Amino acid sequence: MEQWFYGHTLYSITSADSPNDLPIFLRLVQGSRHDSVTFVFAWVELLKLYPEFKFSKALLDSAHDVYDIYRLLKVRNVL
């Protein structure tokens, strides 16, 4: 049985070591787009938005368990 999702979904990146755990990046994306694809675009936009930030760790759910994401983070010494 095929199911389709129409509309948008919110994708956010949060700073986990801040006192309030507030989102530092919010983006509305197509609801049909997979989180692993959205992360790549969000990561590039996040780095452009906050060039002074140094990210050292990433906590991602299983939707982001993709070799290309590991390689993308490793280039920036994030893991």
C-alpha atoms as a PDB file:
ATOM      1  CA  MET A   1       0.000   0.000   0.000  1.00  0.00           C
ATOM      2  CA  GLU A   2       1.479   3.304  -1.078  1.00  0.00           C
ATOM      3  CA  GLN A   3       1.074   6.397   1.084  1.00  0.00           C
ATOM      4  CA  TRP A   4       1.851   9.968   0.171  1.00  0.00           C
ATOM      5  CA  PHE A   5       2.557  12.919   2.410  1.00  0.00           C
ATOM      6  CA  TYR A   6       1.686  16.392   1.183  1.00  0.00           C
ATOM      7  CA  GLY A   7       2.642  19.623   2.858  1.00  0.00           C
ATOM      8  CA  HIS A   8       5.621  20.783   4.848  1.00  0.00           C
ATOM      9  CA  THR A   9       7.491  19.729   7.950  1.00  0.00           C
ATOM     10  CA  LEU A  10       9.752  21.612  10.328  1.00  0.00           C
ATOM     11  CA  TYR A  11      13.426  20.656  10.448  1.00  0.00           C
ATOM     12  CA  SER A  12      15.441  22.111  13.312  1.00  0.00           C
ATOM     13  CA  ILE A  13      18.989  21.973  14.640  1.00  0.00           C
ATOM     14  CA  THR A  14      19.444  22.636  18.346  1.00  0.00           C
ATOM     15  CA  SER A  15      22.484  23.542  20.387  1.00  0.00           C
ATOM     16  CA  ALA A  16      22.527  20.852  23.057  1.00  0.00           C
ATOM     17  CA  ASP A  17      25.133  22.449  25.318  1.00  0.00           C
ATOM     18  CA  SER A  18      23.317  25.754  25.770  1.00  0.00           C
ATOM     19  CA  PRO A  19      21.452  26.412  29.042  1.00  0.00           C
ATOM     20  CA  ASN A  20      18.067  26.458  27.278  1.00  0.00           C
ATOM     21  CA  ASP A  21      18.567  23.992  24.397  1.00  0.00           C
ATOM     22  CA  LEU A  22      17.056  26.471  21.962  1.00  0.00           C
ATOM     23  CA  PRO A  23      17.024  25.833  18.198  1.00  0.00           C
ATOM     24  CA  ILE A  24      19.742  27.649  16.296  1.00  0.00           C
ATOM     25  CA  PHE A  25      18.410  26.712  12.852  1.00  0.00           C
ATOM     26  CA  LEU A  26      14.811  26.246  11.647  1.00  0.00           C
ATOM     27  CA  ARG A  27      13.676  25.367   8.138  1.00  0.00           C
ATOM     28  CA  LEU A  28      10.337  24.398   6.605  1.00  0.00           C
ATOM     29  CA  VAL A  29      10.846  21.710   3.972  1.00  0.00           C
ATOM     30  CA  GLN A  30       8.700  19.466   1.801  1.00  0.00           C
ATOM     31  CA  GLY A  31       7.102  16.805   3.948  1.00  0.00           C
ATOM     32  CA  SER A  32       8.019  14.149   1.395  1.00  0.00           C
ATOM     33  CA  ARG A  33      11.765  14.875   1.638  1.00  0.00           C
ATOM     34  CA  HIS A  34      13.766  12.426   3.757  1.00  0.00           C
ATOM     35  CA  ASP A  35      15.550  13.826   6.836  1.00  0.00           C
ATOM     36  CA  SER A  36      18.933  12.597   5.619  1.00  0.00           C
ATOM     37  CA  VAL A  37      18.612  14.747   2.495  1.00  0.00           C
ATOM     38  CA  THR A  38      17.336  17.733   4.465  1.00  0.00           C
ATOM     39  CA  PHE A  39      20.274  17.483   6.877  1.00  0.00           C
ATOM     40  CA  VAL A  40      22.836  17.972   4.097  1.00  0.00           C
ATOM     41  CA  PHE A  41      21.198  21.204   2.936  1.00  0.00           C
ATOM     42  CA  ALA A  42      20.599  22.374   6.511  1.00  0.00           C
ATOM     43  CA  TRP A  43      24.222  21.660   7.503  1.00  0.00           C
ATOM     44  CA  VAL A  44      25.590  23.759   4.638  1.00  0.00           C
ATOM     45  CA  GLU A  45      23.192  26.614   5.432  1.00  0.00           C
ATOM     46  CA  LEU A  46      24.034  26.398   9.148  1.00  0.00           C
ATOM     47  CA  LEU A  47      27.767  26.691   8.481  1.00  0.00           C
ATOM     48  CA  LYS A  48      27.169  29.741   6.281  1.00  0.00           C
ATOM     49  CA  LEU A  49      24.853  31.311   8.860  1.00  0.00           C
ATOM     50  CA  TYR A  50      27.267  30.828  11.782  1.00  0.00           C
ATOM     51  CA  PRO A  51      30.814  30.780  10.381  1.00  0.00           C
ATOM     52  CA  GLU A  52      32.244  31.586  13.823  1.00  0.00           C
ATOM     53  CA  PHE A  53      30.706  28.486  15.460  1.00  0.00           C
ATOM     54  CA  LYS A  54      32.873  25.402  15.910  1.00  0.00           C
ATOM     55  CA  PHE A  55      30.807  22.221  16.022  1.00  0.00           C
ATOM     56  CA  SER A  56      32.473  19.249  17.699  1.00  0.00           C
ATOM     57  CA  LYS A  57      29.668  16.695  18.056  1.00  0.00           C
ATOM     58  CA  ALA A  58      26.439  15.767  16.314  1.00  0.00           C
ATOM     59  CA  LEU A  59      23.549  13.819  17.847  1.00  0.00           C
ATOM     60  CA  LEU A  60      21.358  12.493  15.055  1.00  0.00           C
ATOM     61  CA  ASP A  61      18.511   9.991  14.944  1.00  0.00           C
ATOM     62  CA  SER A  62      18.405   6.854  12.805  1.00  0.00           C
ATOM     63  CA  ALA A  63      17.040   8.736   9.779  1.00  0.00           C
ATOM     64  CA  HIS A  64      20.503  10.292   9.510  1.00  0.00           C
ATOM     65  CA  ASP A  65      22.405   6.996   9.659  1.00  0.00           C
ATOM     66  CA  VAL A  66      23.917   7.397   6.201  1.00  0.00           C
ATOM     67  CA  TYR A  67      27.577   6.982   5.225  1.00  0.00           C
ATOM     68  CA  ASP A  68      27.616  10.245   3.292  1.00  0.00           C
ATOM     69  CA  ILE A  69      26.534  12.171   6.394  1.00  0.00           C
ATOM     70  CA  TYR A  70      29.336  10.554   8.386  1.00  0.00           C
ATOM     71  CA  ARG A  71      31.802  11.598   5.691  1.00  0.00           C
ATOM     72  CA  LEU A  72      30.370  15.117   5.570  1.00  0.00           C
ATOM     73  CA  LEU A  73      30.781  15.523   9.345  1.00  0.00           C
ATOM     74  CA  LYS A  74      34.231  13.914   9.389  1.00  0.00           C
ATOM     75  CA  VAL A  75      35.554  16.541   6.974  1.00  0.00           C
ATOM     76  CA  ARG A  76      34.740  19.168   9.643  1.00  0.00           C
ATOM     77  CA  ASN A  77      36.014  16.964  12.523  1.00  0.00           C
ATOM     78  CA  VAL A  78      32.486  16.560  13.887  1.00  0.00           C
ATOM     79  CA  LEU A  79      31.544  13.172  15.356  1.00  0.00           C
END
